[in-house]
């Protein structure tokens, strides 16, 4: 059975990202339409500016995703090292996930 906390979080993050891109698209469309009404010669320039801004937003999002993943991996490494100092053997992520889902949400029956 899937972990409802993590699956809801993933769905929430995806919905948030989709809403973000939809808002950018709507704002860009409104900007371009407004520019076209203001003057036919302004439309292409504003369109190009809007596309450039969205491209920069995508680059920034990717950069933030890489930084977040790096921080998550570093945290996992620190946790494994701390467990090692306590004499515990850190399980590989695939084993930890399988054990947690085998008997319940945290590896034991209720």
N, C-alpha and C. Protein backbone atom coordinates (compact mmCIF):
# COMPACT_ATOMS: atom_id res chain seq x y z
N UNK A 1 0.84 -1.18 0.00
CA UNK A 1 0.00 0.00 0.00
C UNK A 1 0.89 1.24 0.00
N UNK A 2 0.56 2.23 -0.78
CA UNK A 2 1.35 3.45 -0.87
C UNK A 2 1.21 4.27 0.39
N UNK A 3 2.28 4.98 0.72
CA UNK A 3 2.28 5.84 1.89
C UNK A 3 1.44 7.08 1.57
N UNK A 4 0.29 7.28 2.25
CA UNK A 4 -0.58 8.39 1.88
C UNK A 4 0.05 9.75 2.13
N UNK A 5 0.96 9.84 3.09
CA UNK A 5 1.57 11.13 3.37
C UNK A 5 2.46 11.54 2.21
N UNK A 6 3.32 10.61 1.76
CA UNK A 6 4.23 10.95 0.68
C UNK A 6 3.53 11.07 -0.66
N UNK A 7 2.53 10.23 -0.91
CA UNK A 7 1.85 10.33 -2.20
C UNK A 7 1.01 11.61 -2.27
N UNK A 8 0.42 12.01 -1.15
CA UNK A 8 -0.34 13.26 -1.14
C UNK A 8 0.60 14.45 -1.32
N UNK A 9 1.77 14.36 -0.70
CA UNK A 9 2.75 15.44 -0.83
C UNK A 9 3.23 15.57 -2.26
N UNK A 10 3.46 14.42 -2.92
CA UNK A 10 3.89 14.45 -4.30
C UNK A 10 2.82 15.01 -5.21
N UNK A 11 1.58 14.61 -4.96
CA UNK A 11 0.46 15.13 -5.76
C UNK A 11 0.28 16.62 -5.51
N UNK A 12 0.44 17.02 -4.27
CA UNK A 12 0.31 18.43 -3.92
C UNK A 12 1.40 19.26 -4.60
N UNK A 13 2.62 18.75 -4.60
CA UNK A 13 3.72 19.46 -5.24
C UNK A 13 3.49 19.56 -6.74
N UNK A 14 3.01 18.48 -7.34
CA UNK A 14 2.73 18.49 -8.78
C UNK A 14 1.61 19.48 -9.09
N UNK A 15 0.55 19.47 -8.29
CA UNK A 15 -0.56 20.41 -8.51
C UNK A 15 -0.09 21.84 -8.35
N UNK A 16 0.77 22.07 -7.37
CA UNK A 16 1.30 23.41 -7.15
C UNK A 16 2.13 23.87 -8.34
N UNK A 17 2.97 22.96 -8.85
CA UNK A 17 3.81 23.31 -10.00
C UNK A 17 2.95 23.58 -11.23
N UNK A 18 1.92 22.75 -11.46
CA UNK A 18 1.04 22.96 -12.61
C UNK A 18 0.29 24.28 -12.49
N UNK A 19 -0.17 24.60 -11.29
CA UNK A 19 -0.86 25.88 -11.09
C UNK A 19 0.08 27.05 -11.35
N UNK A 20 1.32 26.89 -10.93
CA UNK A 20 2.32 27.94 -11.15
C UNK A 20 2.52 28.19 -12.65
N UNK A 21 2.72 27.11 -13.41
CA UNK A 21 2.93 27.27 -14.85
C UNK A 21 1.67 27.78 -15.54
N UNK A 22 0.51 27.37 -15.08
CA UNK A 22 -0.73 27.88 -15.67
C UNK A 22 -0.86 29.37 -15.43
N UNK A 23 -0.52 29.81 -14.22
CA UNK A 23 -0.60 31.24 -13.90
C UNK A 23 0.38 32.04 -14.77
N UNK A 24 1.57 31.50 -14.97
CA UNK A 24 2.55 32.18 -15.83
C UNK A 24 2.01 32.27 -17.26
N UNK A 25 1.41 31.18 -17.73
CA UNK A 25 0.87 31.17 -19.09
C UNK A 25 -0.25 32.18 -19.28
N UNK A 26 -1.15 32.23 -18.30
CA UNK A 26 -2.26 33.19 -18.37
C UNK A 26 -1.74 34.62 -18.33
N UNK A 27 -0.79 34.88 -17.42
CA UNK A 27 -0.23 36.23 -17.32
C UNK A 27 0.47 36.62 -18.62
N UNK A 28 1.22 35.69 -19.20
CA UNK A 28 1.90 35.97 -20.46
C UNK A 28 0.91 36.23 -21.59
N UNK A 29 -0.15 35.45 -21.63
CA UNK A 29 -1.18 35.64 -22.66
C UNK A 29 -1.84 37.01 -22.53
N UNK A 30 -2.18 37.38 -21.29
CA UNK A 30 -2.80 38.70 -21.07
C UNK A 30 -1.85 39.83 -21.46
N UNK A 31 -0.58 39.65 -21.15
CA UNK A 31 0.41 40.66 -21.50
C UNK A 31 0.53 40.82 -23.01
N UNK A 32 0.59 39.70 -23.71
CA UNK A 32 0.71 39.76 -25.17
C UNK A 32 -0.55 40.35 -25.80
N UNK A 33 -1.71 39.95 -25.32
CA UNK A 33 -2.96 40.51 -25.88
C UNK A 33 -3.06 42.02 -25.63
N UNK A 34 -2.66 42.43 -24.44
CA UNK A 34 -2.67 43.87 -24.13
C UNK A 34 -1.72 44.63 -25.02
N UNK A 35 -0.56 44.06 -25.27
CA UNK A 35 0.42 44.72 -26.13
C UNK A 35 -0.08 44.80 -27.57
N UNK A 36 -0.77 43.77 -28.01
CA UNK A 36 -1.31 43.79 -29.38
C UNK A 36 -2.36 44.88 -29.54
N UNK A 37 -3.14 45.09 -28.49
CA UNK A 37 -4.14 46.17 -28.54
C UNK A 37 -3.47 47.53 -28.52
N UNK A 38 -2.38 47.64 -27.78
CA UNK A 38 -1.68 48.93 -27.67
C UNK A 38 -1.03 49.33 -28.99
N UNK A 39 -0.57 48.37 -29.70
CA UNK A 39 0.05 48.68 -30.99
C UNK A 39 0.57 47.42 -31.63
N UNK A 40 0.29 47.26 -32.91
CA UNK A 40 0.72 46.04 -33.59
C UNK A 40 2.23 45.82 -33.55
N UNK A 41 3.01 46.87 -33.52
CA UNK A 41 4.46 46.70 -33.52
C UNK A 41 4.99 46.25 -32.17
N UNK A 42 4.23 46.47 -31.09
CA UNK A 42 4.67 46.06 -29.76
C UNK A 42 4.43 44.59 -29.49
N UNK A 43 3.49 43.96 -30.14
CA UNK A 43 3.12 42.57 -29.88
C UNK A 43 4.27 41.59 -29.94
N UNK A 44 5.03 41.54 -31.03
CA UNK A 44 6.14 40.58 -31.11
C UNK A 44 7.22 40.80 -30.05
N UNK A 45 7.51 42.05 -29.73
CA UNK A 45 8.53 42.34 -28.72
C UNK A 45 8.09 41.86 -27.34
N UNK A 46 6.82 42.11 -27.01
CA UNK A 46 6.31 41.68 -25.72
C UNK A 46 6.22 40.15 -25.69
N UNK A 47 5.83 39.55 -26.79
CA UNK A 47 5.76 38.09 -26.86
C UNK A 47 7.14 37.50 -26.60
N UNK A 48 8.15 38.06 -27.26
CA UNK A 48 9.51 37.59 -27.07
C UNK A 48 9.97 37.77 -25.62
N UNK A 49 9.62 38.89 -25.02
CA UNK A 49 9.95 39.16 -23.62
C UNK A 49 9.26 38.15 -22.70
N UNK A 50 8.00 37.86 -22.96
CA UNK A 50 7.26 36.91 -22.13
C UNK A 50 7.86 35.52 -22.24
N UNK A 51 8.21 35.09 -23.44
CA UNK A 51 8.82 33.77 -23.63
C UNK A 51 10.17 33.72 -22.91
N UNK A 52 10.94 34.78 -23.00
CA UNK A 52 12.23 34.84 -22.32
C UNK A 52 12.08 34.75 -20.81
N UNK A 53 11.10 35.44 -20.26
CA UNK A 53 10.85 35.39 -18.82
C UNK A 53 10.43 33.99 -18.37
N UNK A 54 9.59 33.35 -19.14
CA UNK A 54 9.15 32.00 -18.80
C UNK A 54 10.33 31.03 -18.88
N UNK A 55 11.18 31.20 -19.89
CA UNK A 55 12.36 30.34 -20.01
C UNK A 55 13.28 30.51 -18.80
N UNK A 56 13.46 31.74 -18.35
CA UNK A 56 14.27 31.99 -17.16
C UNK A 56 13.63 31.35 -15.93
N UNK A 57 12.31 31.40 -15.84
CA UNK A 57 11.61 30.77 -14.73
C UNK A 57 11.81 29.27 -14.71
N UNK A 58 11.79 28.66 -15.89
CA UNK A 58 12.02 27.22 -15.99
C UNK A 58 13.44 26.88 -15.57
N UNK A 59 14.41 27.69 -16.01
CA UNK A 59 15.81 27.46 -15.61
C UNK A 59 15.96 27.58 -14.10
N UNK A 60 15.34 28.59 -13.51
CA UNK A 60 15.42 28.78 -12.06
C UNK A 60 14.79 27.61 -11.32
N UNK A 61 13.64 27.14 -11.81
CA UNK A 61 12.97 26.00 -11.18
C UNK A 61 13.87 24.77 -11.22
N UNK A 62 14.49 24.52 -12.34
CA UNK A 62 15.39 23.36 -12.45
C UNK A 62 16.58 23.49 -11.51
N UNK A 63 17.12 24.68 -11.42
CA UNK A 63 18.24 24.92 -10.52
C UNK A 63 17.84 24.68 -9.07
N UNK A 64 16.67 25.15 -8.69
CA UNK A 64 16.18 24.93 -7.32
C UNK A 64 15.92 23.45 -7.05
N UNK A 65 15.41 22.74 -8.05
CA UNK A 65 15.18 21.30 -7.89
C UNK A 65 16.50 20.56 -7.67
N UNK A 66 17.55 20.94 -8.43
CA UNK A 66 18.86 20.31 -8.24
C UNK A 66 19.41 20.60 -6.85
N UNK A 67 19.28 21.84 -6.40
CA UNK A 67 19.78 22.20 -5.07
C UNK A 67 19.02 21.45 -3.98
N UNK A 68 17.72 21.32 -4.14
CA UNK A 68 16.90 20.61 -3.16
C UNK A 68 17.29 19.14 -3.11
N UNK A 69 17.48 18.52 -4.25
CA UNK A 69 17.87 17.11 -4.29
C UNK A 69 19.25 16.93 -3.67
N UNK A 70 20.17 17.84 -3.93
CA UNK A 70 21.50 17.78 -3.33
C UNK A 70 21.43 17.88 -1.81
N UNK A 71 20.59 18.77 -1.32
CA UNK A 71 20.43 18.92 0.14
C UNK A 71 19.81 17.66 0.74
N UNK A 72 18.86 17.05 0.05
CA UNK A 72 18.23 15.83 0.54
C UNK A 72 19.25 14.70 0.62
N UNK A 73 20.07 14.57 -0.42
CA UNK A 73 21.09 13.52 -0.43
C UNK A 73 22.14 13.75 0.66
N UNK A 74 22.54 15.00 0.85
CA UNK A 74 23.51 15.32 1.90
C UNK A 74 22.95 14.99 3.27
N UNK A 75 21.69 15.32 3.48
CA UNK A 75 21.04 14.99 4.76
C UNK A 75 20.99 13.49 4.99
N UNK A 76 20.70 12.73 3.94
CA UNK A 76 20.69 11.27 4.06
C UNK A 76 22.06 10.71 4.38
N UNK A 77 23.10 11.29 3.76
CA UNK A 77 24.47 10.86 4.06
C UNK A 77 24.84 11.15 5.51
N UNK A 78 24.45 12.33 6.00
CA UNK A 78 24.74 12.68 7.39
C UNK A 78 24.01 11.75 8.36
N UNK A 79 22.77 11.42 8.05
CA UNK A 79 22.00 10.52 8.89
C UNK A 79 22.62 9.13 8.92
N UNK A 80 23.05 8.65 7.76
CA UNK A 80 23.70 7.34 7.70
C UNK A 80 25.00 7.33 8.49
N UNK A 81 25.78 8.42 8.39
CA UNK A 81 27.03 8.49 9.15
C UNK A 81 26.77 8.53 10.65
N UNK A 82 25.74 9.27 11.07
CA UNK A 82 25.40 9.32 12.49
C UNK A 82 24.97 7.95 13.00
N UNK A 83 24.18 7.23 12.22
CA UNK A 83 23.78 5.88 12.62
C UNK A 83 24.99 4.95 12.69
N UNK A 84 25.93 5.14 11.77
CA UNK A 84 27.15 4.35 11.77
C UNK A 84 27.96 4.59 13.04
N UNK A 85 28.02 5.83 13.49
CA UNK A 85 28.75 6.14 14.73
C UNK A 85 28.08 5.49 15.94
N UNK A 86 26.78 5.29 15.86
CA UNK A 86 26.06 4.64 16.96
C UNK A 86 26.15 3.12 16.87
N UNK A 87 26.79 2.63 15.84
CA UNK A 87 26.93 1.19 15.67
C UNK A 87 25.79 0.55 14.90
N UNK A 88 24.89 1.35 14.40
CA UNK A 88 23.79 0.83 13.60
C UNK A 88 24.23 0.78 12.14
N UNK A 89 23.74 -0.22 11.43
CA UNK A 89 24.04 -0.29 10.01
C UNK A 89 22.88 0.32 9.25
N UNK A 90 23.17 1.33 8.46
CA UNK A 90 22.13 1.99 7.67
C UNK A 90 21.73 1.07 6.52
N UNK A 91 20.43 0.87 6.37
CA UNK A 91 19.93 0.03 5.28
C UNK A 91 19.90 0.84 4.00
N UNK A 92 20.12 0.18 2.86
CA UNK A 92 19.96 0.88 1.58
C UNK A 92 18.51 1.35 1.44
N UNK A 93 18.29 2.44 0.73
CA UNK A 93 16.93 2.98 0.60
C UNK A 93 15.92 1.98 0.08
N UNK A 94 16.30 1.09 -0.82
CA UNK A 94 15.34 0.12 -1.36
C UNK A 94 14.88 -0.84 -0.27
N UNK A 95 15.79 -1.27 0.61
CA UNK A 95 15.41 -2.16 1.70
C UNK A 95 14.57 -1.44 2.74
N UNK A 96 14.92 -0.20 3.04
CA UNK A 96 14.17 0.57 4.05
C UNK A 96 12.73 0.77 3.58
N UNK A 97 12.54 1.08 2.30
CA UNK A 97 11.19 1.29 1.76
C UNK A 97 10.39 0.01 1.75
N UNK A 98 11.04 -1.13 1.42
CA UNK A 98 10.34 -2.41 1.38
C UNK A 98 9.93 -2.84 2.78
N UNK A 99 10.79 -2.61 3.77
CA UNK A 99 10.46 -2.99 5.15
C UNK A 99 9.33 -2.13 5.69
N UNK A 100 9.32 -0.87 5.33
CA UNK A 100 8.29 0.02 5.84
C UNK A 100 6.92 -0.31 5.26
N UNK A 101 6.88 -0.78 4.03
CA UNK A 101 5.59 -1.07 3.41
C UNK A 101 5.15 -2.50 3.62
N UNK A 102 6.05 -3.37 4.09
CA UNK A 102 5.71 -4.79 4.24
C UNK A 102 4.65 -5.01 5.31
N UNK A 103 4.82 -4.42 6.48
CA UNK A 103 3.90 -4.70 7.57
C UNK A 103 3.02 -3.55 7.94
N UNK A 104 3.17 -2.45 7.35
CA UNK A 104 2.38 -1.27 7.70
C UNK A 104 3.17 -0.02 7.36
N UNK A 105 2.71 1.10 7.86
CA UNK A 105 3.33 2.36 7.48
C UNK A 105 4.73 2.52 8.04
N UNK A 106 5.05 1.90 9.18
CA UNK A 106 6.38 2.05 9.76
C UNK A 106 7.01 0.70 10.09
N UNK A 107 6.63 -0.34 9.38
CA UNK A 107 7.27 -1.62 9.50
C UNK A 107 6.70 -2.55 10.55
N UNK A 108 5.59 -2.16 11.18
CA UNK A 108 4.97 -3.07 12.14
C UNK A 108 3.46 -3.03 12.00
N UNK A 109 2.85 -4.09 12.47
CA UNK A 109 1.37 -4.17 12.41
C UNK A 109 0.76 -3.41 13.57
N UNK A 110 -0.44 -2.94 13.38
CA UNK A 110 -1.19 -2.28 14.47
C UNK A 110 -2.26 -3.18 14.97
